[in-house]
Amino acid sequence: MDFSVTPPQQITREFLAVILAGFGNELVPLTGDLGNQPCPKALLPIFNKPMLDYILSWIEPSGIQEVLLICPSSHRPSVSHFIHSDSSAASSLLRIDLQTFDGSQGLSVGTCSVLRHFSSRIKGDFVLLPCDFIPPPSLPLSKLLNKFRTETMSDGALMTALWFEPLAEKIAAPEEWGSYAQSTPIAWDRSTGTLLHVDTLTSDRNPNELDIRMNLLSRYPRVNLSSGFQDSHVYVCKREVLDLLQQKTKFDSLREDFFPWLCKLQYQKNRGTKYGAILDDPKSTVPISPDEGHEISSTARSLRVGLLIHRAEEGYCIRANNLPSYLEVNRHFVNDAFFTLPSDPQRRALIDAKASISSDSTIGDFTKVDERVTIKRSIIGKHCVIGKMVKIVGCILLDHCTIADGAKLEGSILGKNTTVGSKAELVRCVTQGGYEVKENESYRNEKLDTSDWGAGTDEDEGVSEDSSEDV
């Protein structure tokens, strides 16, 4: 009898999922430090669930098992604790390699720079995803992967990008919060599903003008133009994309630098031939000629960029990468909620029977709600304490917030561990974690962070926001 065991065949990994979880500068003060502890953007809750969970839940059914998760060094303990917790969507089917970058070491946090830095960990084709994209149930990630598979087999396309149509109606947010992400003008060929042009707004150009080259129109006479779509920052890429980034070392942003340049290669023959030759032999040491008109004699592969457009009527999706969008996506989930109170009777007992809670609100576990409280169109996190006669309308309260008796909150977002004193009033405000609103204080249309506490002694002192590009 032969008891020998046949060694298992090595399974080739088709795709690696690369998730970028940046600092979240556009979500300040929610992402401001809580004391000595950071508040990672990736763990900000959406409908009382960390936003990172949504993207992990999108990846898992696609068949991808390997995930490279990149975050700032200061966020590593919190993110690591989450992905190893029982509440995470990162089940045993996903193997997550958590890597960090440190801006103090001189590494730019632009997407191109981060990909170059971690290129040694990306051995094959990969899917690049932001931690803040909230996909619709009607769009499985496998649909984008299948389009990429088809196009790379048919003509050797280099990558496939996902763009989406945002809802026309937006929730009004104060100007002090910043603005919604603007849609970007693009040009594409409908018959082949090819992205041909991504607009960049330079300082010396009229924003109402669109710069389209004649050789694009000559090759694609029936090109489609639109300014109604937004970039999801979800891209399925051949490994050779990293080889191009190594050649273009000055590129920092995929959106502003790499994509506009890559689209031009598809209809500028000489450029396409030159860079295609390098991709055919990634280890080639042939130098790049500074003369863009110089042709390299080689059979160049396709540099085509495939495009999948998701329409608004096909399902709601958004990038929660700024304060107005963060408020909107939470409101969306509240409107579609199927439950309002904790399901556990013991936890539900913390909510007073005389409290008035509308059906379009959600209360987290272990939150105490006192008598004669009114809550409408709001999301209340876990372990919060809501005092008597408090009125909360259209708000988002993160975990461990304390609201004293008689306080009024309207259209506001409260960071973790925020305290609001009795009879205080907040209207369309957002607070940093740990902020304390004193008794009887009133604020409207403000971003409140802990640096404000020292502003009264010296108006010239303050903490400047980091304006560097987010991952």
Protein backbone atom coordinates (compact mmCIF):
# COMPACT_ATOMS: atom_id res chain seq x y z
CA MET A 1 0.00 0.00 0.00
CA ASP A 2 1.41 3.34 -1.02
CA PHE A 3 1.14 5.91 1.76
CA SER A 4 3.12 8.57 -0.09
CA VAL A 5 1.45 11.97 -0.21
CA THR A 6 1.39 13.84 -3.48
CA PRO A 7 2.61 17.39 -2.83
CA PRO A 8 -0.11 19.96 -3.47
CA GLN A 9 0.21 21.98 -6.64
CA GLN A 10 1.14 25.59 -6.12
CA ILE A 11 -1.78 27.84 -6.95
CA THR A 12 -0.83 30.96 -8.86
CA ARG A 13 -2.33 34.10 -7.40
CA GLU A 14 -4.25 35.92 -10.12
CA PHE A 15 -4.76 39.27 -8.38
CA LEU A 16 -3.46 41.05 -5.33
CA ALA A 17 -5.79 43.61 -3.75
CA VAL A 18 -3.88 46.75 -2.75
CA ILE A 19 -5.84 48.99 -0.36
CA LEU A 20 -4.59 52.49 0.33
CA ALA A 21 -5.66 53.92 3.69
CA GLY A 22 -4.30 57.44 4.04
CA PHE A 23 -4.36 60.15 6.68
CA GLY A 24 -7.78 61.50 5.66
CA ASN A 25 -6.87 65.18 5.52
CA GLU A 26 -10.23 66.08 3.96
CA LEU A 27 -12.00 64.53 6.96
CA VAL A 28 -10.30 66.71 9.59
CA PRO A 29 -11.21 67.24 12.44
CA LEU A 30 -12.79 63.75 12.60
CA THR A 31 -9.39 62.25 11.79
CA GLY A 32 -7.54 64.46 14.26
CA ASP A 33 -5.74 62.72 17.13
CA LEU A 34 -7.72 61.86 20.23
CA GLY A 35 -5.19 62.76 22.88
CA ASN A 36 -2.12 60.68 22.01
CA GLN A 37 -4.14 58.22 19.95
CA PRO A 38 -4.67 58.64 16.17
CA CYS A 39 -8.13 58.37 14.61
CA PRO A 40 -7.51 56.45 11.38
CA LYS A 41 -9.63 57.40 8.41
CA ALA A 42 -10.07 53.72 7.50
CA LEU A 43 -11.82 53.05 10.83
CA LEU A 44 -14.28 55.95 10.73
CA PRO A 45 -17.72 54.35 11.04
CA ILE A 46 -20.33 54.49 8.32
CA PHE A 47 -23.67 53.36 9.71
CA ASN A 48 -21.78 52.17 12.80
CA LYS A 49 -19.41 49.97 10.76
CA PRO A 50 -15.79 50.96 9.89
CA MET A 51 -15.51 52.10 6.28
CA LEU A 52 -12.65 49.63 5.74
CA ASP A 53 -15.15 46.83 6.32
CA TYR A 54 -17.13 47.82 3.22
CA ILE A 55 -14.17 47.46 0.87
CA LEU A 56 -13.05 44.18 2.50
CA SER A 57 -16.57 42.80 2.13
CA TRP A 58 -16.48 43.78 -1.56
CA ILE A 59 -13.18 41.99 -2.15
CA GLU A 60 -13.98 38.68 -0.46
CA PRO A 61 -16.70 37.32 -2.83
CA SER A 62 -14.52 38.14 -5.87
CA GLY A 63 -12.18 35.24 -5.17
CA ILE A 64 -9.20 37.43 -4.26
CA GLN A 65 -7.49 36.14 -1.13
CA GLU A 66 -4.32 38.23 -0.84
CA VAL A 67 -4.58 41.82 0.39
CA LEU A 68 -1.82 44.39 0.79
CA LEU A 69 -3.11 47.07 3.14
CA ILE A 70 -0.98 50.24 3.31
CA CYS A 71 -1.52 52.84 6.04
CA PRO A 72 0.50 55.48 7.95
CA SER A 73 2.85 54.13 10.59
CA SER A 74 0.94 55.83 13.41
CA HIS A 75 -2.26 54.03 12.38
CA ARG A 76 -0.78 50.52 12.42
CA PRO A 77 -1.77 49.49 16.01
CA SER A 78 -5.41 50.52 15.57
CA VAL A 79 -5.78 49.04 12.07
CA SER A 80 -4.01 45.82 13.06
CA HIS A 81 -6.25 45.42 16.09
CA PHE A 82 -9.32 45.86 13.91
CA ILE A 83 -8.41 43.40 11.15
CA HIS A 84 -7.66 40.73 13.77
CA SER A 85 -10.87 41.37 15.71
CA ASP A 86 -14.02 39.27 15.49
CA SER A 87 -16.02 42.25 14.18
CA SER A 88 -13.90 42.63 11.04
CA ALA A 89 -15.04 41.42 7.63
CA ALA A 90 -11.48 40.15 7.13
CA SER A 91 -12.38 36.48 7.51
CA SER A 92 -10.03 33.56 7.15
CA LEU A 93 -10.51 33.80 3.37
CA LEU A 94 -8.51 37.05 3.26
CA ARG A 95 -4.83 37.11 4.09
CA ILE A 96 -3.91 40.71 4.88
CA ASP A 97 -0.36 41.97 4.72
CA LEU A 98 -0.34 45.24 6.67
CA GLN A 99 2.43 47.63 5.63
CA THR A 100 3.06 51.22 6.68
CA PHE A 101 4.73 54.35 5.40
CA ASP A 102 6.19 57.22 7.37
CA GLY A 103 5.92 60.70 5.86
CA SER A 104 8.72 61.93 8.11
CA GLN A 105 11.15 59.75 6.14
CA GLY A 106 10.61 61.90 3.07
CA LEU A 107 8.21 59.54 1.31
CA SER A 108 5.51 61.43 -0.54
CA VAL A 109 2.01 60.19 0.20
CA GLY A 110 0.95 60.53 -3.45
CA THR A 111 -0.39 57.26 -4.86
CA CYS A 112 2.34 56.90 -7.49
CA SER A 113 5.07 57.33 -4.90
CA VAL A 114 3.50 54.80 -2.53
CA LEU A 115 3.16 52.21 -5.31
CA ARG A 116 6.80 52.65 -6.28
CA HIS A 117 7.84 52.21 -2.66
CA PHE A 118 5.92 48.94 -2.23
CA SER A 119 6.36 47.60 -5.78
CA SER A 120 8.59 44.75 -4.53
CA ARG A 121 5.56 43.30 -2.70
CA ILE A 122 3.39 43.35 -5.84
CA LYS A 123 4.52 40.37 -7.91
CA GLY A 124 1.68 40.17 -10.45
CA ASP A 125 -1.52 41.84 -11.60
CA PHE A 126 -3.29 43.81 -8.89
CA VAL A 127 -6.44 45.73 -8.00
CA LEU A 128 -5.88 49.15 -6.49
CA LEU A 129 -8.64 50.31 -4.11
CA PRO A 130 -9.14 53.23 -1.70
CA CYS A 131 -10.39 52.47 1.80
CA ASP A 132 -13.18 55.07 1.43
CA PHE A 133 -15.06 53.68 -1.60
CA ILE A 134 -18.53 52.42 -0.70
CA PRO A 135 -19.59 50.09 -3.53
CA PRO A 136 -23.19 49.35 -4.48
CA PRO A 137 -24.58 45.83 -3.95
CA SER A 138 -25.48 45.76 -7.65
CA LEU A 139 -21.82 46.01 -8.70
CA PRO A 140 -19.70 43.03 -7.61
CA LEU A 141 -15.97 43.46 -7.95
CA SER A 142 -15.96 40.35 -10.16
CA LYS A 143 -17.70 42.37 -12.89
CA LEU A 144 -14.74 44.74 -13.11
CA LEU A 145 -12.27 41.82 -12.93
CA ASN A 146 -14.07 39.98 -15.75
CA LYS A 147 -13.95 43.06 -17.98
CA PHE A 148 -10.22 43.32 -17.33
CA ARG A 149 -9.70 39.61 -18.07
CA THR A 150 -11.58 39.89 -21.36
CA GLU A 151 -9.75 42.98 -22.52
CA THR A 152 -6.27 41.78 -21.61
CA MET A 153 -6.90 38.53 -23.48
CA SER A 154 -8.35 40.24 -26.55
CA ASP A 155 -5.91 43.11 -27.09
CA GLY A 156 -3.53 43.15 -24.15
CA ALA A 157 -5.14 46.14 -22.41
CA LEU A 158 -2.99 47.53 -19.62
CA MET A 159 -5.66 48.36 -17.04
CA THR A 160 -9.37 48.86 -16.40
CA ALA A 161 -10.78 51.80 -14.41
CA LEU A 162 -14.12 52.24 -12.67
CA TRP A 163 -15.91 55.60 -12.86
CA PHE A 164 -19.33 56.27 -11.38
CA GLU A 165 -22.18 58.74 -11.74
CA PRO A 166 -22.98 60.48 -8.43
CA LEU A 167 -26.48 61.34 -7.34
CA ALA A 168 -27.72 64.66 -8.66
CA GLU A 169 -29.18 65.74 -5.31
CA LYS A 170 -26.70 66.46 -2.53
CA ILE A 171 -27.17 67.11 1.16
CA ALA A 172 -26.43 70.76 1.93
CA ALA A 173 -23.32 71.15 4.07
CA PRO A 174 -21.77 74.36 5.44
CA GLU A 175 -19.06 75.99 3.34
CA GLU A 176 -16.74 75.66 6.34
CA TRP A 177 -16.83 71.87 5.90
CA GLY A 178 -15.41 72.05 2.38
CA SER A 179 -17.12 71.00 -0.82
CA TYR A 180 -18.13 67.74 -2.45
CA ALA A 181 -15.65 66.10 -4.81
CA GLN A 182 -16.10 67.59 -8.26
CA SER A 183 -16.82 65.45 -11.30
CA THR A 184 -13.98 65.28 -13.81
CA PRO A 185 -14.39 65.79 -17.57
CA ILE A 186 -13.41 62.63 -19.45
CA ALA A 187 -13.47 61.38 -23.03
CA TRP A 188 -14.08 57.74 -23.93
CA ASP A 189 -14.98 55.52 -26.83
CA ARG A 190 -18.29 53.82 -26.17
CA SER A 191 -17.89 51.02 -28.74
CA THR A 192 -14.65 49.70 -27.26
CA GLY A 193 -15.06 50.94 -23.68
CA THR A 194 -11.76 52.83 -23.81
CA LEU A 195 -10.81 55.76 -21.59
CA LEU A 196 -9.14 58.34 -23.87
CA HIS A 197 -8.79 61.54 -21.89
CA VAL A 198 -8.84 62.59 -18.24
CA ASP A 199 -8.94 66.33 -17.79
CA THR A 200 -6.61 68.26 -15.52
CA LEU A 201 -7.43 71.85 -14.63
CA THR A 202 -4.31 73.95 -14.86
CA SER A 203 -4.07 77.37 -13.27
CA ASP A 204 -3.78 79.23 -16.59
CA ARG A 205 -6.81 77.67 -18.29
CA ASN A 206 -10.47 78.62 -18.39
CA PRO A 207 -12.39 76.02 -16.33
CA ASN A 208 -15.18 76.07 -18.95
CA GLU A 209 -12.80 74.94 -21.70
CA LEU A 210 -11.72 71.38 -22.53
CA ASP A 211 -8.39 70.71 -24.22
CA ILE A 212 -8.80 67.79 -26.68
CA ARG A 213 -6.04 66.93 -29.18
CA MET A 214 -6.86 66.58 -32.88
CA ASN A 215 -5.11 63.22 -33.21
CA LEU A 216 -7.54 61.84 -30.60
CA LEU A 217 -10.53 63.04 -32.65
CA SER A 218 -8.93 61.76 -35.83
CA ARG A 219 -8.56 58.23 -34.46
CA TYR A 220 -11.85 58.26 -32.51
CA PRO A 221 -14.24 60.51 -34.49
CA ARG A 222 -17.23 59.47 -32.37
CA VAL A 223 -15.64 60.11 -29.01
CA ASN A 224 -17.97 60.64 -26.04
CA LEU A 225 -17.42 63.59 -23.70
CA SER A 226 -18.88 63.94 -20.21
CA SER A 227 -18.30 65.98 -17.08
CA GLY A 228 -20.79 64.04 -14.96
CA PHE A 229 -18.67 61.13 -13.71
CA GLN A 230 -16.28 60.71 -10.79
CA ASP A 231 -13.22 58.54 -10.43
CA SER A 232 -13.74 55.72 -7.92
CA HIS A 233 -9.96 55.22 -7.70
CA VAL A 234 -10.59 51.51 -8.25
CA TYR A 235 -8.25 50.18 -10.96
CA VAL A 236 -7.41 46.67 -12.13
CA CYS A 237 -3.82 46.79 -13.37
CA LYS A 238 -1.24 44.68 -15.10
CA ARG A 239 2.00 44.39 -13.17
CA GLU A 240 3.62 46.42 -15.96
CA VAL A 241 1.88 49.55 -14.67
CA LEU A 242 4.53 49.61 -11.94
CA ASP A 243 7.25 49.47 -14.60
CA LEU A 244 5.80 52.60 -16.19
CA LEU A 245 5.73 54.33 -12.82
CA GLN A 246 9.38 53.48 -12.31
CA GLN A 247 10.13 55.25 -15.61
CA LYS A 248 8.05 58.32 -14.73
CA THR A 249 9.59 59.12 -11.37
CA LYS A 250 8.23 62.67 -11.28
CA PHE A 251 4.63 61.44 -11.26
CA ASP A 252 3.07 61.67 -7.79
CA SER A 253 -0.71 61.52 -8.36
CA LEU A 254 -2.44 58.84 -10.43
CA ARG A 255 -5.36 61.13 -11.08
CA GLU A 256 -3.46 64.32 -11.96
CA ASP A 257 -0.26 62.93 -13.48
CA PHE A 258 -0.32 59.30 -14.54
CA PHE A 259 -3.77 58.87 -16.08
CA PRO A 260 -3.71 61.95 -18.34
CA TRP A 261 -0.28 60.87 -19.60
CA LEU A 262 -1.24 57.21 -20.06
CA CYS A 263 -4.37 58.07 -22.07
CA LYS A 264 -2.27 60.00 -24.58
CA LEU A 265 -0.17 56.93 -25.33
CA GLN A 266 -3.23 55.26 -26.85
CA TYR A 267 -3.54 57.71 -29.75
CA GLN A 268 -0.02 59.10 -30.04
CA LYS A 269 1.68 56.39 -32.08
CA ASN A 270 5.30 57.27 -31.45
CA ARG A 271 4.92 57.56 -27.70
CA GLY A 272 2.92 54.35 -27.55
CA THR A 273 5.55 52.44 -29.51
CA LYS A 274 8.34 53.70 -27.30
CA TYR A 275 6.80 52.83 -23.94
CA GLY A 276 5.20 49.66 -25.26
CA ALA A 277 8.67 48.37 -26.14
CA ILE A 278 9.77 48.78 -22.54
CA LEU A 279 6.73 46.91 -21.27
CA ASP A 280 7.45 44.01 -23.63
CA ASP A 281 10.79 43.66 -21.84
CA PRO A 282 10.41 45.00 -18.28
CA LYS A 283 14.04 44.20 -17.49
CA SER A 284 15.25 46.15 -20.48
CA THR A 285 17.91 48.75 -19.78
CA VAL A 286 17.25 50.66 -23.00
CA PRO A 287 17.16 54.33 -21.98
CA ILE A 288 14.16 56.52 -22.61
CA SER A 289 14.90 59.08 -25.29
CA PRO A 290 14.05 62.66 -24.34
CA ASP A 291 12.75 63.06 -27.87
CA GLU A 292 9.10 61.95 -27.71
CA GLY A 293 9.08 61.57 -31.51
CA HIS A 294 11.77 58.86 -31.53
CA GLU A 295 10.37 55.42 -32.33
CA ILE A 296 11.80 52.21 -30.87
CA SER A 297 11.54 49.31 -33.28
CA SER A 298 9.63 46.69 -31.30
CA THR A 299 6.24 45.07 -31.30
CA ALA A 300 4.51 47.12 -28.60
CA ARG A 301 1.71 45.67 -26.55
CA SER A 302 -1.58 47.52 -26.14
CA LEU A 303 -1.53 50.47 -23.77
CA ARG A 304 -5.30 50.71 -23.82
CA VAL A 305 -7.15 51.75 -20.65
CA GLY A 306 -10.49 50.03 -20.31
CA LEU A 307 -13.41 51.89 -18.72
CA LEU A 308 -16.43 50.65 -16.78
CA ILE A 309 -19.04 53.30 -16.01
CA HIS A 310 -21.53 52.74 -13.20
CA ARG A 311 -24.72 54.77 -13.59
CA ALA A 312 -26.59 56.27 -10.64
CA GLU A 313 -29.79 54.37 -11.43
CA GLU A 314 -27.86 51.08 -11.18
CA GLY A 315 -27.15 51.54 -7.49
CA TYR A 316 -25.81 54.08 -5.01
CA CYS A 317 -22.06 54.37 -4.55
CA ILE A 318 -19.80 57.12 -3.26
CA ARG A 319 -16.33 57.92 -2.00
CA ALA A 320 -16.57 59.05 1.62
CA ASN A 321 -13.36 61.07 1.37
CA ASN A 322 -14.60 64.44 2.63
CA LEU A 323 -17.02 65.73 5.27
CA PRO A 324 -20.04 66.41 3.00
CA SER A 325 -19.75 62.95 1.42
CA TYR A 326 -19.28 61.32 4.82
CA LEU A 327 -22.50 62.90 6.05
CA GLU A 328 -24.34 61.93 2.86
CA VAL A 329 -23.39 58.27 2.87
CA ASN A 330 -24.42 57.88 6.52
CA ARG A 331 -27.76 59.51 5.78
CA HIS A 332 -28.22 57.15 2.83
CA PHE A 333 -27.78 54.06 4.98
CA VAL A 334 -30.12 55.46 7.63
CA ASN A 335 -32.85 55.88 5.03
CA ASP A 336 -32.44 52.25 3.97
CA ALA A 337 -32.14 50.86 7.50
CA PHE A 338 -34.15 47.80 8.54
CA PHE A 339 -33.72 48.22 12.28
CA THR A 340 -33.42 51.12 14.69
CA LEU A 341 -32.59 49.68 18.11
CA PRO A 342 -30.18 47.05 19.49
CA SER A 343 -31.57 43.55 18.99
CA ASP A 344 -30.34 42.30 22.37
CA PRO A 345 -33.12 42.94 24.95
CA GLN A 346 -30.56 43.67 27.68
CA ARG A 347 -28.88 46.37 25.57
CA ARG A 348 -32.23 47.67 24.41
CA ALA A 349 -33.27 48.17 28.05
CA LEU A 350 -30.85 51.12 28.25
CA ILE A 351 -33.26 53.12 26.06
CA ASP A 352 -36.02 54.77 28.06
CA ALA A 353 -39.55 53.96 27.00
CA LYS A 354 -40.43 57.67 26.96
CA ALA A 355 -37.73 58.50 24.40
CA SER A 356 -38.97 59.37 20.92
CA ILE A 357 -36.81 57.71 18.24
CA SER A 358 -37.87 57.91 14.59
CA SER A 359 -37.78 54.87 12.31
CA ASP A 360 -35.01 56.48 10.21
CA SER A 361 -32.54 56.48 13.12
CA THR A 362 -30.13 53.87 14.48
CA ILE A 363 -28.86 53.39 18.04
CA GLY A 364 -25.62 51.49 18.72
CA ASP A 365 -25.13 48.80 21.34
CA PHE A 366 -24.78 49.77 25.02
CA THR A 367 -25.95 53.34 24.37
CA LYS A 368 -28.08 54.87 27.12
CA VAL A 369 -30.96 57.13 26.07
CA ASP A 370 -32.80 58.94 28.85
CA GLU A 371 -36.42 60.01 29.06
CA ARG A 372 -38.05 62.61 26.79
CA VAL A 373 -35.22 62.46 24.29
CA THR A 374 -36.03 63.13 20.62
CA ILE A 375 -33.88 61.50 17.92
CA LYS A 376 -34.67 61.92 14.22
CA ARG A 377 -32.74 60.89 11.06
CA SER A 378 -29.60 60.22 13.10
CA ILE A 379 -26.97 57.57 13.77
CA ILE A 380 -25.88 57.14 17.40
CA GLY A 381 -22.76 55.06 18.01
CA LYS A 382 -21.98 52.55 20.74
CA HIS A 383 -21.52 53.31 24.45
CA CYS A 384 -22.98 56.82 24.17
CA VAL A 385 -24.89 58.54 26.97
CA ILE A 386 -27.82 60.77 25.97
CA GLY A 387 -29.28 62.83 28.84
CA LYS A 388 -32.83 63.94 29.49
CA MET A 389 -34.74 66.18 27.05
CA VAL A 390 -31.96 66.10 24.46
CA LYS A 391 -32.96 66.78 20.87
CA ILE A 392 -30.88 65.25 18.06
CA VAL A 393 -31.89 65.79 14.42
CA GLY A 394 -29.93 64.72 11.34
CA CYS A 395 -26.71 63.97 13.23
CA ILE A 396 -23.95 61.35 13.40
CA LEU A 397 -22.49 60.57 16.82
CA LEU A 398 -19.42 58.35 16.94
CA ASP A 399 -18.82 55.98 19.86
CA HIS A 400 -18.56 57.08 23.50
CA CYS A 401 -20.16 60.52 23.07
CA THR A 402 -21.85 62.11 26.10
CA ILE A 403 -24.72 64.58 25.63
CA ALA A 404 -25.92 66.30 28.80
CA ASP A 405 -29.51 67.23 29.67
CA GLY A 406 -31.31 69.71 27.44
CA ALA A 407 -28.67 69.90 24.70
CA LYS A 408 -29.73 70.38 21.06
CA LEU A 409 -27.86 68.95 18.07
CA GLU A 410 -28.80 69.51 14.44
CA GLY A 411 -27.02 68.39 11.25
CA SER A 412 -23.76 67.78 13.12
CA ILE A 413 -21.04 65.09 13.21
CA LEU A 414 -19.48 64.40 16.63
CA GLY A 415 -16.12 62.68 16.82
CA LYS A 416 -15.43 59.86 19.24
CA ASN A 417 -15.60 60.77 22.96
CA THR A 418 -17.12 64.21 22.31
CA THR A 419 -18.84 65.76 25.35
CA VAL A 420 -21.65 68.30 25.01
CA GLY A 421 -22.66 70.20 28.14
CA SER A 422 -26.21 70.79 29.35
CA LYS A 423 -28.35 73.13 27.24
CA ALA A 424 -25.53 73.58 24.71
CA GLU A 425 -26.45 73.85 21.03
CA LEU A 426 -24.61 72.67 17.93
CA VAL A 427 -26.00 73.39 14.46
CA ARG A 428 -24.16 71.95 11.42
CA CYS A 429 -20.88 71.48 13.31
CA VAL A 430 -18.24 68.76 13.25
CA THR A 431 -15.99 68.01 16.24
CA GLN A 432 -12.64 66.37 16.76
CA GLY A 433 -12.59 63.31 18.99
CA GLY A 434 -12.46 64.27 22.67
CA TYR A 435 -13.79 67.80 22.11
CA GLU A 436 -15.74 69.32 25.02
CA VAL A 437 -18.60 71.75 24.44
CA LYS A 438 -19.23 73.67 27.63
CA GLU A 439 -22.59 74.19 29.28
CA ASN A 440 -24.87 76.67 27.44
CA GLU A 441 -22.34 77.17 24.60
CA SER A 442 -23.70 77.58 21.08
CA TYR A 443 -21.92 76.96 17.74
CA ARG A 444 -23.09 77.11 14.12
CA ASN A 445 -21.40 75.99 10.90
CA GLU A 446 -18.02 75.30 12.51
CA LYS A 447 -15.29 72.69 12.60
CA LEU A 448 -14.33 72.36 16.26
CA ASP A 449 -10.95 70.88 17.14
CA THR A 450 -9.01 70.78 20.39
CA SER A 451 -6.52 73.41 19.20
CA ASP A 452 -9.35 75.94 19.57
CA TRP A 453 -9.09 75.62 23.35
CA GLY A 454 -5.81 77.53 23.36
CA ALA A 455 -6.79 80.04 20.71
CA GLY A 456 -8.27 82.46 23.17
CA THR A 457 -4.89 83.24 24.75
CA ASP A 458 -3.02 83.91 21.53
CA GLU A 459 -4.81 84.18 18.22
CA ASP A 460 -1.56 83.80 16.35
CA GLU A 461 -1.01 80.30 17.74
CA GLY A 462 -2.63 77.31 16.14
CA VAL A 463 -2.15 74.00 14.47
CA SER A 464 -1.88 74.15 10.71
CA GLU A 465 -3.53 71.39 8.71
CA ASP A 466 -1.39 69.11 6.60
CA SER A 467 -2.25 70.03 3.03
CA SER A 468 -0.26 67.26 1.38
CA GLU A 469 -2.07 64.95 -1.01
CA ASP A 470 -3.86 62.04 0.62
CA VAL A 471 -3.03 58.49 -0.36
